Amino acid sequence: MMYWHGNDPSGWGYALMIIGMVVFWGVLITGVLLLLRSQGARGSQPTHPPVLYTAEQLLAERYARGEIDADDYRARLTTLHQQ
C-alpha cells in the first residue's frame, strides 16, 4: 500500500477527462444531426410533375424507336388529326 495514489489522476486529469467527454459527445451529436439534416434535405426537395406528352409526340416516339412502320405512322397520325 505504499504507492496507493500512484495511479490516481490528479485534478487536471479529471478536468481533461471531462473536457474530452464533452468534446467527444459534441462532435458525435453534431455529426448525427448533420447526417440527419442532409438526409432530410434530399427528401424534401420538390418533385417535378410528370411530363405529359401529346398523342402525336407519343406516336412520333414509337415511330422513332421502330415499333411502327411509316405507313402505320401516317395512318395513325391521319386518324389523330381527323378527331
PDB file of N, CA and C in Angstrom:
ATOM      1  N   MET A   1       0.801  -1.184   0.000  1.00  0.00           N
ATOM      2  CA  MET A   1       0.000   0.000   0.000  1.00  0.00           C
ATOM      3  C   MET A   1       0.851   1.257   0.000  1.00  0.00           C
ATOM      4  N   MET A   2       2.074   1.091  -0.299  1.00  0.00           N
ATOM      5  CA  MET A   2       2.980   2.213  -0.250  1.00  0.00           C
ATOM      6  C   MET A   2       2.699   3.215  -1.382  1.00  0.00           C
ATOM      7  N   TYR A   3       2.288   2.728  -2.558  1.00  0.00           N
ATOM      8  CA  TYR A   3       2.057   3.616  -3.706  1.00  0.00           C
ATOM      9  C   TYR A   3       0.565   3.666  -4.036  1.00  0.00           C
ATOM     10  N   TRP A   4      -0.252   3.881  -3.070  1.00  0.00           N
ATOM     11  CA  TRP A   4      -1.699   3.844  -3.258  1.00  0.00           C
ATOM     12  C   TRP A   4      -2.178   4.916  -4.241  1.00  0.00           C
ATOM     13  N   HIS A   5      -1.644   6.091  -4.230  1.00  0.00           N
ATOM     14  CA  HIS A   5      -2.097   7.189  -5.088  1.00  0.00           C
ATOM     15  C   HIS A   5      -1.271   7.308  -6.361  1.00  0.00           C
ATOM     16  N   GLY A   6      -0.477   6.319  -6.665  1.00  0.00           N
ATOM     17  CA  GLY A   6       0.381   6.400  -7.836  1.00  0.00           C
ATOM     18  C   GLY A   6      -0.377   6.347  -9.154  1.00  0.00           C
ATOM     19  N   ASN A   7      -1.488   5.639  -9.234  1.00  0.00           N
ATOM     20  CA  ASN A   7      -2.256   5.534 -10.480  1.00  0.00           C
ATOM     21  C   ASN A   7      -3.466   6.453 -10.509  1.00  0.00           C
ATOM     22  N   ASP A   8      -3.705   7.210  -9.494  1.00  0.00           N
ATOM     23  CA  ASP A   8      -4.856   8.098  -9.413  1.00  0.00           C
ATOM     24  C   ASP A   8      -4.543   9.383 -10.168  1.00  0.00           C
ATOM     25  N   PRO A   9      -5.392   9.768 -11.132  1.00  0.00           N
ATOM     26  CA  PRO A   9      -5.118  11.015 -11.849  1.00  0.00           C
ATOM     27  C   PRO A   9      -5.311  12.214 -10.936  1.00  0.00           C
ATOM     28  N   SER A  10      -4.553  13.239 -11.194  1.00  0.00           N
ATOM     29  CA  SER A  10      -4.660  14.451 -10.379  1.00  0.00           C
ATOM     30  C   SER A  10      -5.909  15.228 -10.798  1.00  0.00           C
ATOM     31  N   GLY A  11      -6.083  16.398 -10.248  1.00  0.00           N
ATOM     32  CA  GLY A  11      -7.228  17.239 -10.585  1.00  0.00           C
ATOM     33  C   GLY A  11      -7.283  17.586 -12.062  1.00  0.00           C
ATOM     34  N   TRP A  12      -6.112  17.803 -12.674  1.00  0.00           N
ATOM     35  CA  TRP A  12      -6.073  18.116 -14.101  1.00  0.00           C
ATOM     36  C   TRP A  12      -6.486  16.915 -14.946  1.00  0.00           C
ATOM     37  N   GLY A  13      -6.195  15.739 -14.487  1.00  0.00           N
ATOM     38  CA  GLY A  13      -6.612  14.541 -15.221  1.00  0.00           C
ATOM     39  C   GLY A  13      -8.123  14.428 -15.295  1.00  0.00           C
ATOM     40  N   TYR A  14      -8.782  14.722 -14.176  1.00  0.00           N
ATOM     41  CA  TYR A  14     -10.245  14.700 -14.173  1.00  0.00           C
ATOM     42  C   TYR A  14     -10.806  15.801 -15.069  1.00  0.00           C
ATOM     43  N   ALA A  15     -10.208  16.980 -15.005  1.00  0.00           N
ATOM     44  CA  ALA A  15     -10.678  18.100 -15.825  1.00  0.00           C
ATOM     45  C   ALA A  15     -10.525  17.786 -17.309  1.00  0.00           C
ATOM     46  N   LEU A  16      -9.368  17.231 -17.688  1.00  0.00           N
ATOM     47  CA  LEU A  16      -9.160  16.886 -19.092  1.00  0.00           C
ATOM     48  C   LEU A  16     -10.105  15.774 -19.541  1.00  0.00           C
ATOM     49  N   MET A  17     -10.407  14.836 -18.650  1.00  0.00           N
ATOM     50  CA  MET A  17     -11.329  13.767 -18.987  1.00  0.00           C
ATOM     51  C   MET A  17     -12.732  14.339 -19.223  1.00  0.00           C
ATOM     52  N   ILE A  18     -13.153  15.269 -18.395  1.00  0.00           N
ATOM     53  CA  ILE A  18     -14.472  15.888 -18.562  1.00  0.00           C
ATOM     54  C   ILE A  18     -14.523  16.691 -19.856  1.00  0.00           C
ATOM     55  N   ILE A  19     -13.484  17.475 -20.122  1.00  0.00           N
ATOM     56  CA  ILE A  19     -13.429  18.260 -21.358  1.00  0.00           C
ATOM     57  C   ILE A  19     -13.424  17.339 -22.574  1.00  0.00           C
ATOM     58  N   GLY A  20     -12.659  16.269 -22.490  1.00  0.00           N
ATOM     59  CA  GLY A  20     -12.614  15.311 -23.595  1.00  0.00           C
ATOM     60  C   GLY A  20     -13.963  14.665 -23.857  1.00  0.00           C
ATOM     61  N   MET A  21     -14.688  14.320 -22.804  1.00  0.00           N
ATOM     62  CA  MET A  21     -16.006  13.711 -22.974  1.00  0.00           C
ATOM     63  C   MET A  21     -16.998  14.702 -23.578  1.00  0.00           C
ATOM     64  N   VAL A  22     -16.932  15.969 -23.147  1.00  0.00           N
ATOM     65  CA  VAL A  22     -17.828  16.985 -23.703  1.00  0.00           C
ATOM     66  C   VAL A  22     -17.539  17.180 -25.190  1.00  0.00           C
ATOM     67  N   VAL A  23     -16.265  17.246 -25.546  1.00  0.00           N
ATOM     68  CA  VAL A  23     -15.891  17.399 -26.957  1.00  0.00           C
ATOM     69  C   VAL A  23     -16.331  16.169 -27.752  1.00  0.00           C
ATOM     70  N   PHE A  24     -16.091  14.978 -27.233  1.00  0.00           N
ATOM     71  CA  PHE A  24     -16.473  13.743 -27.917  1.00  0.00           C
ATOM     72  C   PHE A  24     -17.971  13.704 -28.191  1.00  0.00           C
ATOM     73  N   TRP A  25     -18.782  13.935 -27.155  1.00  0.00           N
ATOM     74  CA  TRP A  25     -20.227  13.888 -27.334  1.00  0.00           C
ATOM     75  C   TRP A  25     -20.721  15.030 -28.220  1.00  0.00           C
ATOM     76  N   GLY A  26     -20.083  16.183 -28.133  1.00  0.00           N
ATOM     77  CA  GLY A  26     -20.458  17.294 -29.007  1.00  0.00           C
ATOM     78  C   GLY A  26     -20.217  16.974 -30.468  1.00  0.00           C
ATOM     79  N   VAL A  27     -19.055  16.392 -30.766  1.00  0.00           N
ATOM     80  CA  VAL A  27     -18.742  16.015 -32.146  1.00  0.00           C
ATOM     81  C   VAL A  27     -19.684  14.911 -32.618  1.00  0.00           C
ATOM     82  N   LEU A  28     -19.948  13.939 -31.767  1.00  0.00           N
ATOM     83  CA  LEU A  28     -20.831  12.834 -32.138  1.00  0.00           C
ATOM     84  C   LEU A  28     -22.257  13.321 -32.409  1.00  0.00           C
ATOM     85  N   ILE A  29     -22.794  14.137 -31.531  1.00  0.00           N
ATOM     86  CA  ILE A  29     -24.157  14.645 -31.716  1.00  0.00           C
ATOM     87  C   ILE A  29     -24.239  15.561 -32.927  1.00  0.00           C
ATOM     88  N   THR A  30     -23.239  16.414 -33.123  1.00  0.00           N
ATOM     89  CA  THR A  30     -23.215  17.288 -34.294  1.00  0.00           C
ATOM     90  C   THR A  30     -23.164  16.473 -35.578  1.00  0.00           C
ATOM     91  N   GLY A  31     -22.356  15.427 -35.598  1.00  0.00           N
ATOM     92  CA  GLY A  31     -22.273  14.569 -36.782  1.00  0.00           C
ATOM     93  C   GLY A  31     -23.587  13.891 -37.097  1.00  0.00           C
ATOM     94  N   VAL A  32     -24.259  13.388 -36.072  1.00  0.00           N
ATOM     95  CA  VAL A  32     -25.556  12.731 -36.289  1.00  0.00           C
ATOM     96  C   VAL A  32     -26.582  13.741 -36.790  1.00  0.00           C
ATOM     97  N   LEU A  33     -26.611  14.922 -36.199  1.00  0.00           N
ATOM     98  CA  LEU A  33     -27.563  15.941 -36.638  1.00  0.00           C
ATOM     99  C   LEU A  33     -27.302  16.379 -38.076  1.00  0.00           C
ATOM    100  N   LEU A  34     -26.049  16.554 -38.442  1.00  0.00           N
ATOM    101  CA  LEU A  34     -25.729  16.935 -39.818  1.00  0.00           C
ATOM    102  C   LEU A  34     -26.111  15.833 -40.799  1.00  0.00           C
ATOM    103  N   LEU A  35     -25.890  14.594 -40.414  1.00  0.00           N
ATOM    104  CA  LEU A  35     -26.268  13.470 -41.270  1.00  0.00           C
ATOM    105  C   LEU A  35     -27.778  13.418 -41.464  1.00  0.00           C
ATOM    106  N   LEU A  36     -28.525  13.561 -40.382  1.00  0.00           N
ATOM    107  CA  LEU A  36     -29.984  13.549 -40.486  1.00  0.00           C
ATOM    108  C   LEU A  36     -30.495  14.743 -41.283  1.00  0.00           C
ATOM    109  N   ARG A  37     -29.859  15.875 -41.105  1.00  0.00           N
ATOM    110  CA  ARG A  37     -30.274  17.075 -41.833  1.00  0.00           C
ATOM    111  C   ARG A  37     -30.024  16.933 -43.327  1.00  0.00           C
ATOM    112  N   SER A  38     -28.892  16.337 -43.690  1.00  0.00           N
ATOM    113  CA  SER A  38     -28.602  16.166 -45.115  1.00  0.00           C
ATOM    114  C   SER A  38     -29.540  15.142 -45.737  1.00  0.00           C
ATOM    115  N   GLN A  39     -29.919  14.115 -44.986  1.00  0.00           N
ATOM    116  CA  GLN A  39     -30.863  13.127 -45.499  1.00  0.00           C
ATOM    117  C   GLN A  39     -32.247  13.743 -45.655  1.00  0.00           C
ATOM    118  N   GLY A  40     -32.629  14.575 -44.721  1.00  0.00           N
ATOM    119  CA  GLY A  40     -33.934  15.227 -44.790  1.00  0.00           C
ATOM    120  C   GLY A  40     -34.003  16.233 -45.916  1.00  0.00           C
ATOM    121  N   ALA A  41     -32.908  16.926 -46.180  1.00  0.00           N
ATOM    122  CA  ALA A  41     -32.900  17.920 -47.253  1.00  0.00           C
ATOM    123  C   ALA A  41     -33.058  17.254 -48.606  1.00  0.00           C
ATOM    124  N   ARG A  42     -32.499  16.080 -48.747  1.00  0.00           N
ATOM    125  CA  ARG A  42     -32.599  15.378 -50.014  1.00  0.00           C
ATOM    126  C   ARG A  42     -34.036  14.936 -50.281  1.00  0.00           C
ATOM    127  N   GLY A  43     -34.718  14.499 -49.247  1.00  0.00           N
ATOM    128  CA  GLY A  43     -36.074  14.009 -49.415  1.00  0.00           C
ATOM    129  C   GLY A  43     -37.113  15.114 -49.499  1.00  0.00           C
ATOM    130  N   SER A  44     -36.781  16.336 -49.070  1.00  0.00           N
ATOM    131  CA  SER A  44     -37.766  17.404 -49.046  1.00  0.00           C
ATOM    132  C   SER A  44     -37.726  18.285 -50.289  1.00  0.00           C
ATOM    133  N   GLN A  45     -36.896  17.955 -51.244  1.00  0.00           N
ATOM    134  CA  GLN A  45     -36.853  18.752 -52.456  1.00  0.00           C
ATOM    135  C   GLN A  45     -38.144  18.540 -53.236  1.00  0.00           C
ATOM    136  N   PRO A  46     -38.672  19.610 -53.820  1.00  0.00           N
ATOM    137  CA  PRO A  46     -39.930  19.455 -54.550  1.00  0.00           C
ATOM    138  C   PRO A  46     -39.741  18.559 -55.770  1.00  0.00           C
ATOM    139  N   THR A  47     -40.696  17.703 -55.969  1.00  0.00           N
ATOM    140  CA  THR A  47     -40.634  16.824 -57.132  1.00  0.00           C
ATOM    141  C   THR A  47     -41.306  17.515 -58.300  1.00  0.00           C
ATOM    142  N   HIS A  48     -40.789  17.270 -59.466  1.00  0.00           N
ATOM    143  CA  HIS A  48     -41.349  17.868 -60.662  1.00  0.00           C
ATOM    144  C   HIS A  48     -42.553  17.049 -61.109  1.00  0.00           C
ATOM    145  N   PRO A  49     -43.568  17.718 -61.622  1.00  0.00           N
ATOM    146  CA  PRO A  49     -44.730  16.959 -62.089  1.00  0.00           C
ATOM    147  C   PRO A  49     -44.338  16.107 -63.294  1.00  0.00           C
ATOM    148  N   PRO A  50     -44.995  14.996 -63.493  1.00  0.00           N
ATOM    149  CA  PRO A  50     -44.644  14.144 -64.631  1.00  0.00           C
ATOM    150  C   PRO A  50     -44.917  14.872 -65.945  1.00  0.00           C
ATOM    151  N   VAL A  51     -44.063  14.608 -66.906  1.00  0.00           N
ATOM    152  CA  VAL A  51     -44.200  15.232 -68.213  1.00  0.00           C
ATOM    153  C   VAL A  51     -45.305  14.505 -68.966  1.00  0.00           C
ATOM    154  N   LEU A  52     -46.267  15.265 -69.440  1.00  0.00           N
ATOM    155  CA  LEU A  52     -47.369  14.682 -70.198  1.00  0.00           C
ATOM    156  C   LEU A  52     -47.134  14.955 -71.679  1.00  0.00           C
ATOM    157  N   TYR A  53     -47.042  13.895 -72.445  1.00  0.00           N
ATOM    158  CA  TYR A  53     -46.818  14.020 -73.873  1.00  0.00           C
ATOM    159  C   TYR A  53     -48.153  13.974 -74.600  1.00  0.00           C
ATOM    160  N   THR A  54     -48.202  14.660 -75.730  1.00  0.00           N
ATOM    161  CA  THR A  54     -49.405  14.597 -76.551  1.00  0.00           C
ATOM    162  C   THR A  54     -49.414  13.280 -77.313  1.00  0.00           C
ATOM    163  N   ALA A  55     -50.558  12.961 -77.885  1.00  0.00           N
ATOM    164  CA  ALA A  55     -50.688  11.714 -78.640  1.00  0.00           C
ATOM    165  C   ALA A  55     -49.746  11.720 -79.845  1.00  0.00           C
ATOM    166  N   GLU A  56     -49.587  12.879 -80.468  1.00  0.00           N
ATOM    167  CA  GLU A  56     -48.685  12.971 -81.624  1.00  0.00           C
ATOM    168  C   GLU A  56     -47.235  12.721 -81.208  1.00  0.00           C
ATOM    169  N   GLN A  57     -46.841  13.254 -80.062  1.00  0.00           N
ATOM    170  CA  GLN A  57     -45.473  13.039 -79.587  1.00  0.00           C
ATOM    171  C   GLN A  57     -45.229  11.570 -79.260  1.00  0.00           C
ATOM    172  N   LEU A  58     -46.198  10.929 -78.641  1.00  0.00           N
ATOM    173  CA  LEU A  58     -46.054   9.502 -78.340  1.00  0.00           C
ATOM    174  C   LEU A  58     -45.980   8.674 -79.617  1.00  0.00           C
ATOM    175  N   LEU A  59     -46.798   9.032 -80.586  1.00  0.00           N
ATOM    176  CA  LEU A  59     -46.783   8.316 -81.863  1.00  0.00           C
ATOM    177  C   LEU A  59     -45.445   8.512 -82.574  1.00  0.00           C
ATOM    178  N   ALA A  60     -44.918   9.739 -82.565  1.00  0.00           N
ATOM    179  CA  ALA A  60     -43.622  10.011 -83.190  1.00  0.00           C
ATOM    180  C   ALA A  60     -42.506   9.258 -82.476  1.00  0.00           C
ATOM    181  N   GLU A  61     -42.602   9.146 -81.169  1.00  0.00           N
ATOM    182  CA  GLU A  61     -41.587   8.410 -80.415  1.00  0.00           C
ATOM    183  C   GLU A  61     -41.627   6.919 -80.752  1.00  0.00           C
ATOM    184  N   ARG A  62     -42.808   6.364 -80.867  1.00  0.00           N
ATOM    185  CA  ARG A  62     -42.927   4.943 -81.241  1.00  0.00           C
ATOM    186  C   ARG A  62     -42.369   4.710 -82.648  1.00  0.00           C
ATOM    187  N   TYR A  63     -42.613   5.665 -83.551  1.00  0.00           N
ATOM    188  CA  TYR A  63     -42.085   5.548 -84.911  1.00  0.00           C
ATOM    189  C   TYR A  63     -40.555   5.650 -84.895  1.00  0.00           C
ATOM    190  N   ALA A  64     -40.023   6.553 -84.082  1.00  0.00           N
ATOM    191  CA  ALA A  64     -38.568   6.727 -83.998  1.00  0.00           C
ATOM    192  C   ALA A  64     -37.900   5.488 -83.416  1.00  0.00           C
ATOM    193  N   ARG A  65     -38.557   4.802 -82.500  1.00  0.00           N
ATOM    194  CA  ARG A  65     -37.991   3.582 -81.916  1.00  0.00           C
ATOM    195  C   ARG A  65     -38.145   2.372 -82.826  1.00  0.00           C
ATOM    196  N   GLY A  66     -38.921   2.523 -83.887  1.00  0.00           N
ATOM    197  CA  GLY A  66     -39.097   1.413 -84.815  1.00  0.00           C
ATOM    198  C   GLY A  66     -40.211   0.461 -84.422  1.00  0.00           C
ATOM    199  N   GLU A  67     -41.060   0.863 -83.509  1.00  0.00           N
ATOM    200  CA  GLU A  67     -42.161  -0.003 -83.096  1.00  0.00           C
ATOM    201  C   GLU A  67     -43.247  -0.075 -84.161  1.00  0.00           C
ATOM    202  N   ILE A  68     -43.401   1.001 -84.926  1.00  0.00           N
ATOM    203  CA  ILE A  68     -44.371   1.011 -86.026  1.00  0.00           C
ATOM    204  C   ILE A  68     -43.664   1.469 -87.288  1.00  0.00           C
ATOM    205  N   ASP A  69     -44.187   1.061 -88.445  1.00  0.00           N
ATOM    206  CA  ASP A  69     -43.554   1.452 -89.713  1.00  0.00           C
ATOM    207  C   ASP A  69     -44.170   2.765 -90.204  1.00  0.00           C
ATOM    208  N   ALA A  70     -43.665   3.261 -91.331  1.00  0.00           N
ATOM    209  CA  ALA A  70     -44.063   4.569 -91.845  1.00  0.00           C
ATOM    210  C   ALA A  70     -45.543   4.598 -92.223  1.00  0.00           C
ATOM    211  N   ASP A  71     -46.023   3.536 -92.854  1.00  0.00           N
ATOM    212  CA  ASP A  71     -47.435   3.508 -93.251  1.00  0.00           C
ATOM    213  C   ASP A  71     -48.349   3.544 -92.020  1.00  0.00           C
ATOM    214  N   ASP A  72     -48.005   2.759 -91.038  1.00  0.00           N
ATOM    215  CA  ASP A  72     -48.798   2.731 -89.807  1.00  0.00           C
ATOM    216  C   ASP A  72     -48.748   4.094 -89.111  1.00  0.00           C
ATOM    217  N   TYR A  73     -47.575   4.727 -89.120  1.00  0.00           N
ATOM    218  CA  TYR A  73     -47.421   6.046 -88.504  1.00  0.00           C
ATOM    219  C   TYR A  73     -48.330   7.062 -89.195  1.00  0.00           C
ATOM    220  N   ARG A  74     -48.290   7.089 -90.532  1.00  0.00           N
ATOM    221  CA  ARG A  74     -49.114   8.048 -91.286  1.00  0.00           C
ATOM    222  C   ARG A  74     -50.607   7.788 -91.061  1.00  0.00           C
ATOM    223  N   ALA A  75     -50.989   6.521 -91.042  1.00  0.00           N
ATOM    224  CA  ALA A  75     -52.404   6.187 -90.850  1.00  0.00           C
ATOM    225  C   ALA A  75     -52.876   6.631 -89.466  1.00  0.00           C
ATOM    226  N   ARG A  76     -52.091   6.375 -88.468  1.00  0.00           N
ATOM    227  CA  ARG A  76     -52.484   6.768 -87.108  1.00  0.00           C
ATOM    228  C   ARG A  76     -52.463   8.289 -86.939  1.00  0.00           C
ATOM    229  N   LEU A  77     -51.493   8.946 -87.578  1.00  0.00           N
ATOM    230  CA  LEU A  77     -51.422  10.403 -87.498  1.00  0.00           C
ATOM    231  C   LEU A  77     -52.639  11.030 -88.174  1.00  0.00           C
ATOM    232  N   THR A  78     -53.045  10.479 -89.314  1.00  0.00           N
ATOM    233  CA  THR A  78     -54.239  10.966 -90.005  1.00  0.00           C
ATOM    234  C   THR A  78     -55.471  10.780 -89.127  1.00  0.00           C
ATOM    235  N   THR A  79     -55.553   9.642 -88.472  1.00  0.00           N
ATOM    236  CA  THR A  79     -56.683   9.382 -87.579  1.00  0.00           C
ATOM    237  C   THR A  79     -56.705  10.387 -86.428  1.00  0.00           C
ATOM    238  N   LEU A  80     -55.541  10.720 -85.900  1.00  0.00           N
ATOM    239  CA  LEU A  80     -55.481  11.699 -84.813  1.00  0.00           C
ATOM    240  C   LEU A  80     -55.945  13.080 -85.273  1.00  0.00           C
ATOM    241  N   HIS A  81     -55.542  13.480 -86.477  1.00  0.00           N
ATOM    242  CA  HIS A  81     -55.898  14.808 -86.974  1.00  0.00           C
ATOM    243  C   HIS A  81     -57.379  14.892 -87.327  1.00  0.00           C
ATOM    244  N   GLN A  82     -57.995  13.784 -87.651  1.00  0.00           N
ATOM    245  CA  GLN A  82     -59.417  13.788 -88.001  1.00  0.00           C
ATOM    246  C   GLN A  82     -60.298  13.934 -86.761  1.00  0.00           C
ATOM    247  N   GLN A  83     -59.803  13.572 -85.625  1.00  0.00           N
ATOM    248  CA  GLN A  83     -60.631  13.626 -84.413  1.00  0.00           C
ATOM    249  C   GLN A  83     -60.681  14.999 -83.874  1.00  0.00           C
TER     250      GLN A  83
END
